C-alpha cells in the first residue's frame, strides 16, 4: 500500500465533507462490523472510515431520523434527571389537621 496515496485519498474525502461532524452508516466488515448502524463522528475520522471502507456517508433521510431520535432521547434523559431530583416529604395527617384548625382560628 502506498501511504502517500492513502493519505491523499483521506484528505480528498475530508474536503468533500462540509460539516464539522458527519453522520456515517456502517458497512459490514470481516472483523465483525455490522451494516447500517448510524454514528456521528468528526470530519477527519469520517474521511478515514470511508477511505478504509468501514462506512459511507448516510443519506439525508437517515441523518434526519438520526438527529430526531437523538433529540428525543436527550429530552427523555433530561426529564428523567429532573424527576430524580424531585424531593418528597411525608407529613402525618395529624399535622395537616392541626394546621387547618389553627388557620380557622
N, C-alpha and C. Protein backbone atom coordinates (compact mmCIF):
# COMPACT_ATOMS: atom_id res chain seq x y z
N UNK A 1 0.84 -1.18 0.00
CA UNK A 1 0.00 0.00 0.00
C UNK A 1 0.89 1.24 0.00
N UNK A 2 0.60 2.15 -0.86
CA UNK A 2 1.32 3.40 -0.95
C UNK A 2 0.70 4.39 0.04
N UNK A 3 1.46 4.78 1.06
CA UNK A 3 0.93 5.65 2.10
C UNK A 3 0.59 7.03 1.60
N UNK A 4 1.35 7.55 0.65
CA UNK A 4 1.04 8.87 0.09
C UNK A 4 -0.33 8.86 -0.56
N UNK A 5 -0.60 7.84 -1.32
CA UNK A 5 -1.90 7.71 -1.99
C UNK A 5 -3.03 7.57 -0.96
N UNK A 6 -2.79 6.76 0.06
CA UNK A 6 -3.79 6.52 1.10
C UNK A 6 -4.16 7.82 1.81
N UNK A 7 -3.14 8.56 2.26
CA UNK A 7 -3.42 9.80 2.98
C UNK A 7 -3.98 10.89 2.06
N UNK A 8 -3.61 10.88 0.81
CA UNK A 8 -4.19 11.83 -0.13
C UNK A 8 -5.67 11.53 -0.33
N UNK A 9 -6.00 10.25 -0.38
CA UNK A 9 -7.40 9.83 -0.51
C UNK A 9 -8.21 10.32 0.69
N UNK A 10 -7.64 10.17 1.90
CA UNK A 10 -8.32 10.64 3.11
C UNK A 10 -8.53 12.15 3.04
N UNK A 11 -7.51 12.91 2.64
CA UNK A 11 -7.64 14.37 2.54
C UNK A 11 -8.70 14.75 1.52
N UNK A 12 -8.73 14.05 0.38
CA UNK A 12 -9.73 14.35 -0.66
C UNK A 12 -11.14 14.11 -0.15
N UNK A 13 -11.33 13.01 0.56
CA UNK A 13 -12.66 12.71 1.12
C UNK A 13 -13.03 13.75 2.17
N UNK A 14 -12.07 14.12 3.01
CA UNK A 14 -12.32 15.11 4.06
C UNK A 14 -12.77 16.44 3.48
N UNK A 15 -12.21 16.83 2.33
CA UNK A 15 -12.59 18.09 1.71
C UNK A 15 -14.02 18.07 1.17
N UNK A 16 -14.55 16.90 0.87
CA UNK A 16 -15.92 16.82 0.36
C UNK A 16 -16.95 16.87 1.48
N UNK A 17 -16.52 16.65 2.72
CA UNK A 17 -17.44 16.71 3.86
C UNK A 17 -17.48 18.14 4.36
N UNK A 18 -18.65 18.76 4.30
CA UNK A 18 -18.79 20.18 4.62
C UNK A 18 -18.89 20.43 6.12
N UNK A 19 -19.71 19.66 6.80
CA UNK A 19 -19.97 19.86 8.22
C UNK A 19 -18.78 19.41 9.07
N UNK A 20 -18.62 19.99 10.28
CA UNK A 20 -17.53 19.53 11.16
C UNK A 20 -17.74 18.11 11.67
N UNK A 21 -19.01 17.67 11.71
CA UNK A 21 -19.35 16.30 12.10
C UNK A 21 -20.20 15.68 11.01
N UNK A 22 -19.95 14.42 10.73
CA UNK A 22 -20.68 13.72 9.68
C UNK A 22 -21.38 12.50 10.28
N UNK A 23 -22.58 12.22 9.76
CA UNK A 23 -23.29 11.02 10.17
C UNK A 23 -22.94 9.93 9.16
N UNK A 24 -22.39 8.83 9.67
CA UNK A 24 -21.97 7.72 8.83
C UNK A 24 -22.88 6.52 9.04
N UNK A 25 -23.01 5.73 7.98
CA UNK A 25 -23.72 4.46 8.05
C UNK A 25 -22.66 3.38 7.87
N UNK A 26 -22.60 2.45 8.80
CA UNK A 26 -21.54 1.45 8.78
C UNK A 26 -21.73 0.42 7.67
N UNK A 27 -20.62 -0.12 7.22
CA UNK A 27 -20.61 -1.24 6.27
C UNK A 27 -20.31 -2.51 7.04
N UNK A 28 -20.73 -3.64 6.51
CA UNK A 28 -20.37 -4.91 7.11
C UNK A 28 -18.89 -5.18 6.83
N UNK A 29 -18.17 -5.59 7.87
CA UNK A 29 -16.74 -5.86 7.69
C UNK A 29 -16.43 -7.29 8.16
N UNK A 30 -15.28 -7.77 7.75
CA UNK A 30 -14.88 -9.14 8.10
C UNK A 30 -14.53 -9.27 9.58
N UNK A 31 -14.22 -8.15 10.23
CA UNK A 31 -13.86 -8.22 11.65
C UNK A 31 -15.05 -7.99 12.57
N UNK A 32 -16.27 -8.13 12.07
CA UNK A 32 -17.46 -8.07 12.91
C UNK A 32 -18.27 -6.80 12.80
N UNK A 33 -17.88 -5.88 11.92
CA UNK A 33 -18.66 -4.66 11.74
C UNK A 33 -20.04 -4.96 11.19
N UNK A 34 -21.06 -4.29 11.74
CA UNK A 34 -22.44 -4.53 11.33
C UNK A 34 -22.89 -3.45 10.35
N UNK A 35 -23.63 -3.85 9.37
CA UNK A 35 -24.12 -2.94 8.34
C UNK A 35 -25.29 -2.11 8.85
N UNK A 36 -25.29 -0.83 8.48
CA UNK A 36 -26.45 0.02 8.71
C UNK A 36 -26.51 0.77 10.02
N UNK A 37 -25.51 0.67 10.87
CA UNK A 37 -25.52 1.41 12.12
C UNK A 37 -25.09 2.84 11.86
N UNK A 38 -25.81 3.79 12.45
CA UNK A 38 -25.51 5.20 12.25
C UNK A 38 -24.71 5.74 13.43
N UNK A 39 -23.76 6.61 13.13
CA UNK A 39 -22.98 7.26 14.17
C UNK A 39 -22.52 8.62 13.65
N UNK A 40 -22.30 9.54 14.57
CA UNK A 40 -21.82 10.86 14.20
C UNK A 40 -20.38 11.00 14.68
N UNK A 41 -19.50 11.35 13.76
CA UNK A 41 -18.07 11.43 14.06
C UNK A 41 -17.49 12.71 13.47
N UNK A 42 -16.32 13.15 13.98
CA UNK A 42 -15.66 14.32 13.39
C UNK A 42 -15.28 14.05 11.93
N UNK A 43 -15.19 15.11 11.17
CA UNK A 43 -14.90 15.04 9.74
C UNK A 43 -13.65 14.21 9.42
N UNK A 44 -12.57 14.38 10.20
CA UNK A 44 -11.32 13.66 9.93
C UNK A 44 -11.51 12.15 10.09
N UNK A 45 -12.20 11.74 11.15
CA UNK A 45 -12.43 10.32 11.37
C UNK A 45 -13.38 9.76 10.32
N UNK A 46 -14.37 10.56 9.93
CA UNK A 46 -15.30 10.12 8.90
C UNK A 46 -14.55 9.82 7.60
N UNK A 47 -13.64 10.71 7.22
CA UNK A 47 -12.88 10.52 5.99
C UNK A 47 -12.03 9.25 6.06
N UNK A 48 -11.43 8.99 7.21
CA UNK A 48 -10.61 7.79 7.36
C UNK A 48 -11.48 6.53 7.28
N UNK A 49 -12.64 6.54 7.94
CA UNK A 49 -13.51 5.37 7.91
C UNK A 49 -14.04 5.09 6.51
N UNK A 50 -14.33 6.15 5.76
CA UNK A 50 -14.80 5.98 4.38
C UNK A 50 -13.67 5.43 3.51
N UNK A 51 -12.47 5.99 3.68
CA UNK A 51 -11.32 5.52 2.90
C UNK A 51 -11.00 4.05 3.20
N UNK A 52 -11.21 3.64 4.43
CA UNK A 52 -10.94 2.25 4.83
C UNK A 52 -12.07 1.30 4.43
N UNK A 53 -13.18 1.85 3.95
CA UNK A 53 -14.31 1.01 3.54
C UNK A 53 -15.16 0.53 4.71
N UNK A 54 -14.99 1.14 5.86
CA UNK A 54 -15.75 0.73 7.05
C UNK A 54 -17.11 1.41 7.12
N UNK A 55 -17.28 2.52 6.42
CA UNK A 55 -18.54 3.27 6.49
C UNK A 55 -18.72 4.09 5.22
N UNK A 56 -19.90 4.65 5.10
CA UNK A 56 -20.23 5.57 4.00
C UNK A 56 -21.08 6.69 4.59
N UNK A 57 -21.13 7.81 3.89
CA UNK A 57 -21.98 8.90 4.36
C UNK A 57 -23.44 8.44 4.33
N UNK A 58 -24.17 8.76 5.38
CA UNK A 58 -25.57 8.36 5.47
C UNK A 58 -26.42 9.25 4.56
N UNK A 59 -27.51 8.71 4.00
CA UNK A 59 -28.41 9.52 3.19
C UNK A 59 -29.15 10.54 4.06
N UNK A 60 -29.68 11.59 3.43
CA UNK A 60 -30.34 12.69 4.15
C UNK A 60 -31.46 12.21 5.07
N UNK A 61 -32.32 11.31 4.58
CA UNK A 61 -33.45 10.87 5.41
C UNK A 61 -32.95 10.13 6.65
N UNK A 62 -31.87 9.39 6.54
CA UNK A 62 -31.30 8.68 7.69
C UNK A 62 -30.68 9.67 8.67
N UNK A 63 -30.07 10.72 8.16
CA UNK A 63 -29.48 11.76 9.02
C UNK A 63 -30.57 12.46 9.81
N UNK A 64 -31.67 12.81 9.13
CA UNK A 64 -32.80 13.46 9.80
C UNK A 64 -33.35 12.57 10.92
N UNK A 65 -33.56 11.30 10.60
CA UNK A 65 -34.09 10.36 11.59
C UNK A 65 -33.11 10.21 12.75
N UNK A 66 -31.82 10.16 12.47
CA UNK A 66 -30.79 10.03 13.49
C UNK A 66 -30.84 11.20 14.47
N UNK A 67 -30.92 12.42 13.93
CA UNK A 67 -30.95 13.61 14.79
C UNK A 67 -32.26 13.70 15.58
N UNK A 68 -33.39 13.34 14.96
CA UNK A 68 -34.67 13.34 15.67
C UNK A 68 -34.63 12.34 16.83
N UNK A 69 -34.11 11.16 16.57
CA UNK A 69 -34.03 10.13 17.60
C UNK A 69 -33.13 10.60 18.74
N UNK A 70 -32.00 11.21 18.43
CA UNK A 70 -31.09 11.70 19.47
C UNK A 70 -31.72 12.82 20.28
N UNK A 71 -32.47 13.71 19.62
CA UNK A 71 -33.15 14.80 20.33
C UNK A 71 -34.19 14.25 21.29
N UNK A 72 -34.96 13.27 20.83
CA UNK A 72 -35.97 12.67 21.69
C UNK A 72 -35.32 11.97 22.88
N UNK A 73 -34.23 11.27 22.65
CA UNK A 73 -33.53 10.59 23.74
C UNK A 73 -32.96 11.60 24.74
N UNK A 74 -32.49 12.73 24.25
CA UNK A 74 -31.94 13.76 25.14
C UNK A 74 -33.06 14.36 26.00
N UNK A 75 -34.22 14.64 25.38
CA UNK A 75 -35.34 15.17 26.14
C UNK A 75 -35.78 14.19 27.23
N UNK A 76 -35.84 12.92 26.89
CA UNK A 76 -36.23 11.90 27.86
C UNK A 76 -35.24 11.85 29.01
N UNK A 77 -33.96 11.88 28.70
CA UNK A 77 -32.92 11.85 29.73
C UNK A 77 -33.02 13.07 30.64
N UNK A 78 -33.26 14.24 30.06
CA UNK A 78 -33.39 15.46 30.86
C UNK A 78 -34.61 15.38 31.78
N UNK A 79 -35.73 14.85 31.26
CA UNK A 79 -36.93 14.71 32.09
C UNK A 79 -36.69 13.73 33.23
N UNK A 80 -36.00 12.65 32.95
CA UNK A 80 -35.70 11.68 34.00
C UNK A 80 -34.77 12.28 35.04
N UNK A 81 -33.83 13.11 34.61
CA UNK A 81 -32.92 13.76 35.56
C UNK A 81 -33.69 14.72 36.47
N UNK A 82 -34.63 15.47 35.90
CA UNK A 82 -35.44 16.39 36.70
C UNK A 82 -36.31 15.61 37.67
N UNK A 83 -36.90 14.53 37.20
CA UNK A 83 -37.75 13.70 38.05
C UNK A 83 -36.97 13.11 39.20
N UNK A 84 -35.76 12.68 38.95
CA UNK A 84 -34.96 12.07 40.01
C UNK A 84 -34.52 13.09 41.05
N UNK A 85 -34.56 14.37 40.70
CA UNK A 85 -34.16 15.41 41.64
C UNK A 85 -35.32 15.90 42.51
N UNK A 86 -36.55 15.50 42.18
CA UNK A 86 -37.71 15.94 42.95
C UNK A 86 -37.64 15.36 44.35
N UNK A 87 -37.95 16.19 45.33
CA UNK A 87 -37.94 15.77 46.72
C UNK A 87 -39.39 15.63 47.20
N UNK A 88 -39.62 14.60 47.95
CA UNK A 88 -40.95 14.39 48.52
C UNK A 88 -40.81 14.37 50.03
N UNK A 89 -41.84 14.87 50.70
CA UNK A 89 -41.82 14.88 52.14
C UNK A 89 -43.13 14.29 52.65
N UNK A 90 -43.03 13.38 53.58
CA UNK A 90 -44.21 12.80 54.18
C UNK A 90 -44.61 13.63 55.39
N UNK A 91 -45.87 14.01 55.43
CA UNK A 91 -46.38 14.78 56.56
C UNK A 91 -47.53 13.96 57.16
N UNK A 92 -47.46 13.67 58.44
CA UNK A 92 -48.54 12.90 59.06
C UNK A 92 -49.87 13.66 58.94
N UNK A 93 -50.95 12.92 58.81
CA UNK A 93 -52.28 13.52 58.65
C UNK A 93 -52.64 14.37 59.85
N UNK A 94 -52.19 13.99 61.02
CA UNK A 94 -52.50 14.76 62.23
C UNK A 94 -51.92 16.17 62.13
N UNK A 95 -50.73 16.31 61.58
CA UNK A 95 -50.12 17.64 61.43
C UNK A 95 -50.91 18.50 60.44
N UNK A 96 -51.43 17.88 59.40
CA UNK A 96 -52.23 18.62 58.41
C UNK A 96 -53.50 19.13 59.07
N UNK A 97 -54.15 18.29 59.87
CA UNK A 97 -55.37 18.69 60.56
C UNK A 97 -55.09 19.82 61.54
N UNK A 98 -53.97 19.75 62.27
CA UNK A 98 -53.60 20.82 63.20
C UNK A 98 -53.43 22.14 62.45
N UNK A 99 -52.79 22.08 61.31
CA UNK A 99 -52.55 23.28 60.51
C UNK A 99 -53.88 23.88 60.05
N UNK A 100 -54.81 23.04 59.61
CA UNK A 100 -56.11 23.53 59.17
C UNK A 100 -56.89 24.15 60.32
N UNK A 101 -56.84 23.53 61.51
CA UNK A 101 -57.56 24.07 62.69
C UNK A 101 -56.99 25.40 63.10
N UNK A 102 -55.66 25.51 63.11
CA UNK A 102 -55.04 26.77 63.55
C UNK A 102 -55.28 27.88 62.54
N UNK A 103 -55.46 27.54 61.28
CA UNK A 103 -55.74 28.55 60.26
C UNK A 103 -57.16 29.09 60.41
N UNK A 104 -58.11 28.24 60.89
CA UNK A 104 -59.50 28.68 61.07
C UNK A 104 -59.63 29.60 62.26
N UNK A 105 -58.78 29.44 63.24
CA UNK A 105 -58.89 30.24 64.47
C UNK A 105 -58.39 31.62 64.33
